[in-house]
């Protein structure tokens, strides 16, 4: 294959899925707009920003991204959240009509996500019992097959023992499904280890018929590790060094997950970075709120004073998960006037990352390296602006923000895991 298109429903997801290809020496860009993507890159990760749309709107936008960027020799990877948030089933259903059958496994063992018996397990806990699922999907069935059945797809499931015994059978199933107009639409494959995903990557990459992968950053990492995945004609980047940040570093945290809170606490404790928590009421009111300008000045004073800082969204009794984009956009609007003076930015939460890049008129990032699993370092493709780290809110070790901060400062340190 000559190139790969990754279609993701949020920005941090696009980055954590694509970063492995940059690490493997392929020019890799993350774009906020599929129509304006760098088509010369070997790997394009397009953020369709569909997580908060209706299923029908998300399906239409996702299909449009593939139709806009499909090209001879280009394959498709539909990146989904490893905890199954968003409209992923509607998006997959739309893609099966134009891109062939889907191979589905959201497993990401490096971050504690596995798939067993067609169900996602998060660090040993069934997905439906986790805080992440309960926050937005309480009472709903988290089984992969049940979710895909609900959007009318014909589904097959390959249990873990069967897959390990004969991984090549999955390639046969995919080829058969692609060749039949009335065949299987989606094949769920169990996976508990990186070796399982590596086997799946090897056997499916060799399939010539049209199909697409559906997964998180886990399967993408194993595809990126295949030495012959791309043709020799695929673009190779020049080495791009990231200089240590010379100005202040800002960690912008839109995620309200307990994991993010622990990561913030460790960054404060170990690096002495002060935390500023913006009340949700201020963000809901935006520029019309009486305290808006005071908060803008407070953040600006830290930046002008060359002070590293965490700026994050607070939580109150009126919190509603559906207002995530509104709060993130308001937080970005507070920070954007000071963006050009930053030496580095860490954006936690896909909506937050997209909001600040859009507010700063940055249309795409060229990815450089992975700091830890799911934590990607990049720079604006246009070459101007601070180095930027993106991380999904519920991802990473407790040291993730600290590690990103030290990396931006140029510290040659191995952060304990």
Protein backbone atom coordinates (compact mmCIF):
# COMPACT_ATOMS: atom_id res chain seq x y z
CA UNK A 1 0.00 0.00 0.00
CA UNK A 2 1.10 3.56 -0.64
CA UNK A 3 -0.66 5.39 2.18
CA UNK A 4 -3.14 5.11 5.02
CA UNK A 5 -6.10 7.25 6.03
CA UNK A 6 -7.09 7.19 9.69
CA UNK A 7 -10.55 8.62 10.35
CA UNK A 8 -11.10 9.52 14.01
CA UNK A 9 -13.95 11.18 15.85
CA UNK A 10 -11.75 13.42 18.01
CA UNK A 11 -8.32 15.00 17.81
CA UNK A 12 -6.45 13.27 20.62
CA UNK A 13 -7.71 9.94 19.28
CA UNK A 14 -6.45 10.76 15.80
CA UNK A 15 -3.04 11.61 17.24
CA UNK A 16 -2.64 8.62 19.56
CA UNK A 17 -3.63 6.29 16.72
CA UNK A 18 -1.30 7.88 14.15
CA UNK A 19 1.77 8.51 16.30
CA UNK A 20 3.13 4.97 15.86
CA UNK A 21 3.50 5.57 12.12
CA UNK A 22 5.54 8.71 12.74
CA UNK A 23 7.72 6.72 15.12
CA UNK A 24 8.20 4.15 12.33
CA UNK A 25 9.58 6.85 10.03
CA UNK A 26 6.54 7.80 7.97
CA UNK A 27 5.43 11.35 7.40
CA UNK A 28 2.28 11.56 9.50
CA UNK A 29 -0.12 14.47 9.89
CA UNK A 30 -3.22 15.02 11.97
CA UNK A 31 -5.75 17.29 10.29
CA UNK A 32 -8.76 19.18 11.61
CA UNK A 33 -10.25 19.26 8.11
CA UNK A 34 -10.25 16.24 5.80
CA UNK A 35 -10.67 18.45 2.72
CA UNK A 36 -7.52 20.40 3.58
CA UNK A 37 -5.30 17.46 4.55
CA UNK A 38 -1.71 17.07 3.38
CA UNK A 39 -2.25 14.44 0.70
CA UNK A 40 1.51 13.99 0.34
CA UNK A 41 1.80 12.39 3.76
CA UNK A 42 2.12 8.63 4.07
CA UNK A 43 -0.38 8.66 6.92
CA UNK A 44 -3.23 11.15 7.25
CA UNK A 45 -5.23 11.14 10.47
CA UNK A 46 -8.40 13.16 9.89
CA UNK A 47 -10.41 14.33 12.89
CA UNK A 48 -14.05 14.44 11.81
CA UNK A 49 -15.11 15.84 15.22
CA UNK A 50 -18.21 13.63 15.24
CA UNK A 51 -18.36 12.36 18.81
CA UNK A 52 -21.08 14.80 19.88
CA UNK A 53 -23.09 14.75 16.64
CA UNK A 54 -26.23 12.70 16.05
CA UNK A 55 -25.51 9.20 14.71
CA UNK A 56 -26.85 10.16 11.26
CA UNK A 57 -24.70 13.30 11.06
CA UNK A 58 -21.63 11.42 12.28
CA UNK A 59 -22.15 8.65 9.72
CA UNK A 60 -22.48 11.15 6.87
CA UNK A 61 -19.37 13.13 7.85
CA UNK A 62 -17.28 9.99 8.33
CA UNK A 63 -18.26 8.56 4.94
CA UNK A 64 -17.54 11.92 3.34
CA UNK A 65 -14.00 11.94 4.79
CA UNK A 66 -13.23 8.60 3.11
CA UNK A 67 -14.83 9.64 -0.16
CA UNK A 68 -12.82 12.88 -0.14
CA UNK A 69 -9.45 11.30 0.65
CA UNK A 70 -9.65 7.82 -0.86
CA UNK A 71 -6.93 7.24 -3.45
CA UNK A 72 -5.29 4.33 -5.30
CA UNK A 73 -3.15 2.36 -2.88
CA UNK A 74 -4.61 4.06 0.19
CA UNK A 75 -6.16 1.95 2.94
CA UNK A 76 -8.61 2.95 5.64
CA UNK A 77 -8.40 2.69 9.42
CA UNK A 78 -11.47 3.81 11.38
CA UNK A 79 -10.17 4.86 14.76
CA UNK A 80 -12.66 4.35 17.58
CA UNK A 81 -12.47 5.08 21.28
CA UNK A 82 -11.20 2.05 23.19
CA UNK A 83 -14.04 2.55 25.67
CA UNK A 84 -16.60 2.78 22.85
CA UNK A 85 -17.67 6.39 23.33
CA UNK A 86 -19.26 8.29 20.47
CA UNK A 87 -21.13 7.25 17.31
CA UNK A 88 -18.70 4.58 16.20
CA UNK A 89 -21.30 1.97 15.23
CA UNK A 90 -23.16 4.36 12.92
CA UNK A 91 -19.86 5.45 11.40
CA UNK A 92 -18.72 1.88 10.80
CA UNK A 93 -22.09 0.99 9.27
CA UNK A 94 -21.78 3.90 6.83
CA UNK A 95 -18.24 2.89 5.86
CA UNK A 96 -19.13 -0.75 5.19
CA UNK A 97 -21.31 0.46 2.31
CA UNK A 98 -18.36 2.13 0.55
CA UNK A 99 -15.19 0.59 1.97
CA UNK A 100 -15.99 -3.10 2.35
CA UNK A 101 -16.23 -5.25 5.48
CA UNK A 102 -14.71 -4.19 8.80
CA UNK A 103 -12.29 -5.95 11.13
CA UNK A 104 -13.18 -4.77 14.63
CA UNK A 105 -11.03 -4.87 17.75
CA UNK A 106 -10.70 -1.84 20.05
CA UNK A 107 -8.11 -3.59 22.23
CA UNK A 108 -5.15 -1.47 23.38
CA UNK A 109 -3.19 -3.65 25.83
CA UNK A 110 -0.58 -0.96 26.51
CA UNK A 111 -3.31 1.13 28.13
CA UNK A 112 -5.10 -1.75 29.86
CA UNK A 113 -7.86 -2.28 27.26
CA UNK A 114 -8.49 -5.82 26.00
CA UNK A 115 -11.28 -7.65 24.18
CA UNK A 116 -12.53 -11.02 25.41
CA UNK A 117 -15.76 -12.78 24.41
CA UNK A 118 -16.59 -9.78 22.24
CA UNK A 119 -16.54 -7.40 25.21
CA UNK A 120 -14.10 -4.65 26.18
CA UNK A 121 -12.27 -5.11 29.48
CA UNK A 122 -10.56 -2.09 31.08
CA UNK A 123 -7.74 -3.07 33.45
CA UNK A 124 -9.61 -6.25 34.36
CA UNK A 125 -13.01 -4.55 34.76
CA UNK A 126 -15.86 -5.03 32.25
CA UNK A 127 -16.37 -1.78 30.36
CA UNK A 128 -20.00 -1.40 31.51
CA UNK A 129 -18.80 -1.29 35.14
CA UNK A 130 -16.26 1.51 34.63
CA UNK A 131 -16.61 5.20 35.50
CA UNK A 132 -16.11 6.10 31.85
CA UNK A 133 -19.09 4.04 30.66
CA UNK A 134 -21.33 4.96 33.56
CA UNK A 135 -20.75 8.67 32.99
CA UNK A 136 -22.33 8.67 29.54
CA UNK A 137 -23.88 5.26 28.83
CA UNK A 138 -25.25 3.89 32.09
CA UNK A 139 -27.69 1.04 31.51
CA UNK A 140 -26.69 0.44 27.89
CA UNK A 141 -25.27 -2.82 26.51
CA UNK A 142 -21.50 -2.58 26.01
CA UNK A 143 -21.15 -5.82 24.02
CA UNK A 144 -19.53 -5.23 20.63
CA UNK A 145 -21.83 -7.60 18.79
CA UNK A 146 -24.98 -6.17 20.35
CA UNK A 147 -23.90 -2.64 19.48
CA UNK A 148 -23.16 -3.53 15.85
CA UNK A 149 -26.37 -5.56 15.57
CA UNK A 150 -28.33 -2.47 16.55
CA UNK A 151 -27.18 -0.60 13.42
CA UNK A 152 -28.16 -3.50 11.17
CA UNK A 153 -24.76 -5.03 10.47
CA UNK A 154 -24.20 -8.73 9.88
CA UNK A 155 -21.59 -9.68 12.43
CA UNK A 156 -19.18 -12.55 13.02
CA UNK A 157 -17.09 -13.06 16.13
CA UNK A 158 -13.71 -14.78 16.41
CA UNK A 159 -13.07 -15.90 20.02
CA UNK A 160 -9.57 -15.55 21.40
CA UNK A 161 -8.75 -19.28 21.52
CA UNK A 162 -9.89 -19.77 17.93
CA UNK A 163 -7.92 -16.77 16.73
CA UNK A 164 -4.71 -17.88 18.44
CA UNK A 165 -5.09 -21.39 17.04
CA UNK A 166 -5.52 -20.22 13.42
CA UNK A 167 -5.04 -16.44 12.92
CA UNK A 168 -4.91 -16.89 9.15
CA UNK A 169 -8.59 -17.89 9.22
CA UNK A 170 -9.46 -14.23 9.83
CA UNK A 171 -7.82 -13.28 6.53
CA UNK A 172 -9.93 -15.93 4.79
CA UNK A 173 -13.07 -14.59 6.45
CA UNK A 174 -12.27 -11.02 5.37
CA UNK A 175 -11.57 -12.02 1.79
CA UNK A 176 -14.79 -14.04 1.64
CA UNK A 177 -16.83 -11.20 3.13
CA UNK A 178 -15.36 -8.71 0.67
CA UNK A 179 -16.18 -10.94 -2.28
CA UNK A 180 -19.84 -11.45 -1.34
CA UNK A 181 -22.51 -8.77 -1.60
CA UNK A 182 -24.53 -10.65 1.02
CA UNK A 183 -21.69 -11.61 3.32
CA UNK A 184 -20.50 -10.51 6.75
CA UNK A 185 -20.22 -6.75 7.34
CA UNK A 186 -18.07 -6.80 10.46
CA UNK A 187 -15.75 -9.34 12.07
CA UNK A 188 -15.05 -8.88 15.79
CA UNK A 189 -11.71 -10.35 16.85
CA UNK A 190 -10.79 -10.91 20.50
CA UNK A 191 -7.32 -9.72 21.58
CA UNK A 192 -5.67 -9.56 24.99
CA UNK A 193 -2.01 -8.93 24.20
CA UNK A 194 0.15 -6.98 21.79
CA UNK A 195 1.13 -10.31 20.25
CA UNK A 196 -2.53 -10.98 19.45
CA UNK A 197 -2.80 -7.63 17.70
CA UNK A 198 0.51 -8.19 15.90
CA UNK A 199 -0.81 -11.48 14.53
CA UNK A 200 -4.01 -9.80 13.38
CA UNK A 201 -2.05 -7.01 11.72
CA UNK A 202 0.18 -9.47 9.83
CA UNK A 203 -2.58 -11.67 8.46
CA UNK A 204 -4.93 -8.86 7.47
CA UNK A 205 -2.34 -6.55 5.92
CA UNK A 206 -1.75 -9.22 3.28
CA UNK A 207 -5.42 -9.29 2.19
CA UNK A 208 -5.85 -7.78 -1.28
CA UNK A 209 -9.63 -7.39 -1.24
CA UNK A 210 -11.20 -4.16 -0.06
CA UNK A 211 -11.83 -3.94 3.68
CA UNK A 212 -10.99 -1.60 6.55
CA UNK A 213 -9.74 -1.84 10.10
CA UNK A 214 -11.73 -0.60 13.10
CA UNK A 215 -9.74 -0.15 16.28
CA UNK A 216 -8.02 2.08 18.77
CA UNK A 217 -4.33 2.92 18.90
CA UNK A 218 -3.54 -0.70 19.78
CA UNK A 219 -3.99 -2.35 16.38
CA UNK A 220 -2.58 0.74 14.67
CA UNK A 221 0.70 0.33 16.58
CA UNK A 222 1.08 -3.22 15.31
CA UNK A 223 0.30 -2.22 11.71
CA UNK A 224 2.92 0.53 11.95
CA UNK A 225 5.47 -2.03 13.12
CA UNK A 226 5.12 -4.12 9.93
CA UNK A 227 8.31 -3.47 7.91
CA UNK A 228 6.65 -3.93 4.51
CA UNK A 229 3.27 -2.30 5.13
CA UNK A 230 4.03 0.64 2.82
CA UNK A 231 5.45 0.62 -0.68
CA UNK A 232 8.90 2.10 -1.16
CA UNK A 233 7.20 5.10 -2.78
CA UNK A 234 5.52 6.12 0.48
CA UNK A 235 6.77 9.49 1.69
CA UNK A 236 9.61 9.47 4.18
CA UNK A 237 10.11 12.53 6.37
CA UNK A 238 13.26 14.34 7.14
CA UNK A 239 14.16 14.10 10.80
CA UNK A 240 12.52 16.96 12.64
CA UNK A 241 14.04 17.82 15.97
CA UNK A 242 11.97 19.29 18.76
CA UNK A 243 13.90 21.96 20.61
CA UNK A 244 13.34 22.33 24.37
CA UNK A 245 10.57 24.80 25.14
CA UNK A 246 11.94 28.30 25.69
CA UNK A 247 8.70 29.88 26.90
CA UNK A 248 6.08 28.85 29.44
CA UNK A 249 4.39 25.48 29.17
CA UNK A 250 0.63 25.32 29.57
CA UNK A 251 -1.26 22.10 30.33
CA UNK A 252 -4.83 22.64 29.16
CA UNK A 253 -7.08 20.00 30.73
CA UNK A 254 -10.65 19.65 29.54
CA UNK A 255 -11.15 16.08 30.70
CA UNK A 256 -12.95 15.56 34.01
CA UNK A 257 -11.84 11.95 34.44
CA UNK A 258 -10.31 10.79 37.71
CA UNK A 259 -7.21 9.76 35.77
CA UNK A 260 -6.70 13.33 34.55
CA UNK A 261 -7.08 14.63 38.10
CA UNK A 262 -4.35 12.29 39.35
CA UNK A 263 -2.08 13.27 36.46
CA UNK A 264 -2.56 16.96 37.29
CA UNK A 265 -1.84 16.33 40.96
CA UNK A 266 1.44 14.60 40.17
CA UNK A 267 2.55 17.37 37.80
CA UNK A 268 1.87 19.90 40.54
CA UNK A 269 3.67 17.87 43.20
CA UNK A 270 6.74 16.82 41.21
CA UNK A 271 7.35 19.84 38.97
CA UNK A 272 5.85 22.62 41.07
CA UNK A 273 3.42 23.61 38.32
CA UNK A 274 0.54 25.66 39.70
CA UNK A 275 -3.03 24.70 38.87
CA UNK A 276 -5.81 27.10 37.88
CA UNK A 277 -9.34 25.68 37.87
CA UNK A 278 -11.81 27.71 35.80
CA UNK A 279 -15.39 27.54 37.14
CA UNK A 280 -17.81 25.96 34.65
CA UNK A 281 -20.22 28.86 35.16
CA UNK A 282 -17.64 31.26 33.72
CA UNK A 283 -17.16 29.02 30.68
CA UNK A 284 -20.89 28.60 30.15
CA UNK A 285 -21.34 32.36 30.20
CA UNK A 286 -18.38 33.01 27.94
CA UNK A 287 -17.39 36.58 27.17
CA UNK A 288 -20.68 37.80 28.65
CA UNK A 289 -19.86 36.45 32.11
CA UNK A 290 -18.85 39.26 34.50
CA UNK A 291 -15.69 37.37 35.54
CA UNK A 292 -14.59 36.41 32.02
CA UNK A 293 -12.10 39.22 31.55
CA UNK A 294 -10.60 38.67 34.99
CA UNK A 295 -9.93 35.02 34.14
CA UNK A 296 -8.43 36.03 30.80
CA UNK A 297 -6.07 38.40 32.61
CA UNK A 298 -5.19 35.79 35.21
CA UNK A 299 -4.09 33.33 32.54
CA UNK A 300 -2.32 36.06 30.57
CA UNK A 301 -0.38 37.14 33.65
CA UNK A 302 0.97 33.62 34.13
CA UNK A 303 2.06 33.41 30.49
CA UNK A 304 3.65 36.88 30.49
CA UNK A 305 5.42 35.99 33.71
CA UNK A 306 6.91 32.90 32.04
CA UNK A 307 5.08 30.74 34.58
CA UNK A 308 4.23 27.15 33.72
CA UNK A 309 0.64 26.34 34.58
CA UNK A 310 -2.20 23.85 34.47
CA UNK A 311 -5.50 25.38 33.39
CA UNK A 312 -8.43 23.04 33.69
CA UNK A 313 -12.19 22.95 33.73
CA UNK A 314 -13.82 22.68 37.12
CA UNK A 315 -16.92 20.69 37.91
CA UNK A 316 -20.18 21.68 39.57
CA UNK A 317 -23.63 20.27 40.27
CA UNK A 318 -24.92 21.48 36.89
CA UNK A 319 -22.36 19.43 34.94
CA UNK A 320 -23.66 17.59 31.88
CA UNK A 321 -21.33 15.43 29.70
CA UNK A 322 -23.08 16.82 26.62
CA UNK A 323 -21.67 20.29 27.30
CA UNK A 324 -18.09 19.13 26.88
CA UNK A 325 -17.57 20.87 23.54
CA UNK A 326 -19.07 24.12 24.80
CA UNK A 327 -16.80 24.19 27.86
CA UNK A 328 -13.74 23.21 25.83
CA UNK A 329 -14.35 25.91 23.25
CA UNK A 330 -14.75 28.51 25.99
CA UNK A 331 -11.57 27.35 27.71
CA UNK A 332 -9.72 27.62 24.39
CA UNK A 333 -11.10 31.13 23.88
CA UNK A 334 -9.62 32.16 27.24
CA UNK A 335 -6.20 30.79 26.31
CA UNK A 336 -6.01 31.64 22.58
CA UNK A 337 -4.99 35.32 23.03
CA UNK A 338 -1.84 34.11 24.81
CA UNK A 339 -1.06 31.12 22.57
CA UNK A 340 1.76 32.74 20.56
CA UNK A 341 3.77 33.36 23.73
CA UNK A 342 3.76 29.70 24.80
CA UNK A 343 6.84 27.55 24.60
CA UNK A 344 4.82 24.35 24.75
CA UNK A 345 1.24 23.14 25.10
CA UNK A 346 -0.17 19.93 26.56
CA UNK A 347 -3.83 19.42 25.62
CA UNK A 348 -5.75 16.74 27.51
CA UNK A 349 -9.06 15.65 26.00
CA UNK A 350 -9.84 15.49 22.28
CA UNK A 351 -12.42 18.28 22.35
CA UNK A 352 -10.01 20.51 24.23
CA UNK A 353 -7.16 19.81 21.83
CA UNK A 354 -9.29 20.55 18.79
CA UNK A 355 -10.73 23.68 20.36
CA UNK A 356 -7.37 25.27 21.14
CA UNK A 357 -5.87 24.42 17.73
CA UNK A 358 -8.90 25.83 15.95
CA UNK A 359 -8.83 28.96 18.10
CA UNK A 360 -5.13 29.39 17.30
CA UNK A 361 -5.74 28.85 13.54
CA UNK A 362 -3.65 25.67 13.40
CA UNK A 363 -5.19 23.35 10.82
CA UNK A 364 -2.88 20.36 11.21
CA UNK A 365 -0.01 18.90 13.21
CA UNK A 366 2.92 16.89 11.95
CA UNK A 367 3.55 14.18 14.50
CA UNK A 368 7.06 13.61 15.76
CA UNK A 369 7.18 11.01 18.51
CA UNK A 370 5.27 9.17 21.21
CA UNK A 371 6.08 10.05 24.81
CA UNK A 372 4.16 7.11 26.25
CA UNK A 373 1.31 5.01 24.93
CA UNK A 374 -1.45 7.36 23.79
CA UNK A 375 0.56 10.55 24.38
CA UNK A 376 1.68 12.16 21.10
CA UNK A 377 4.12 15.01 20.47
CA UNK A 378 3.78 17.14 17.34
CA UNK A 379 4.31 20.57 15.89
CA UNK A 380 2.18 22.80 13.67
CA UNK A 381 2.56 21.63 10.07
CA UNK A 382 3.11 25.23 8.97
CA UNK A 383 6.19 25.34 11.20
CA UNK A 384 5.11 28.20 13.45
CA UNK A 385 4.00 27.87 17.04
CA UNK A 386 4.85 25.83 20.12
CA UNK A 387 5.39 22.11 20.31
CA UNK A 388 2.10 20.42 21.19
CA UNK A 389 1.35 17.25 23.15
CA UNK A 390 -2.10 15.68 22.89
CA UNK A 391 -3.55 13.04 25.20
CA UNK A 392 -6.99 11.52 25.55
CA UNK A 393 -8.50 12.41 28.90
CA UNK A 394 -8.86 8.92 30.36
CA UNK A 395 -5.54 7.67 28.95
CA UNK A 396 -2.04 7.36 30.28
CA UNK A 397 -0.22 6.49 33.46
CA UNK A 398 -0.30 8.81 36.46
CA UNK A 399 3.01 10.19 35.17
CA UNK A 400 1.66 11.07 31.71
CA UNK A 401 1.42 14.84 32.17
CA UNK A 402 4.68 14.98 34.10
CA UNK A 403 6.41 12.97 31.38
CA UNK A 404 5.02 15.26 28.68
CA UNK A 405 6.13 18.32 30.63
CA UNK A 406 9.67 17.00 31.14
CA UNK A 407 9.84 16.03 27.46
CA UNK A 408 8.90 19.53 26.35
CA UNK A 409 11.55 20.93 28.69
CA UNK A 410 14.13 18.71 27.04
CA UNK A 411 14.85 16.67 30.16
CA UNK A 412 16.56 13.40 29.26
CA UNK A 413 14.77 11.53 32.02
CA UNK A 414 13.01 8.22 32.19
CA UNK A 415 9.78 8.81 34.06
CA UNK A 416 8.86 5.80 36.24
CA UNK A 417 5.82 3.89 35.10
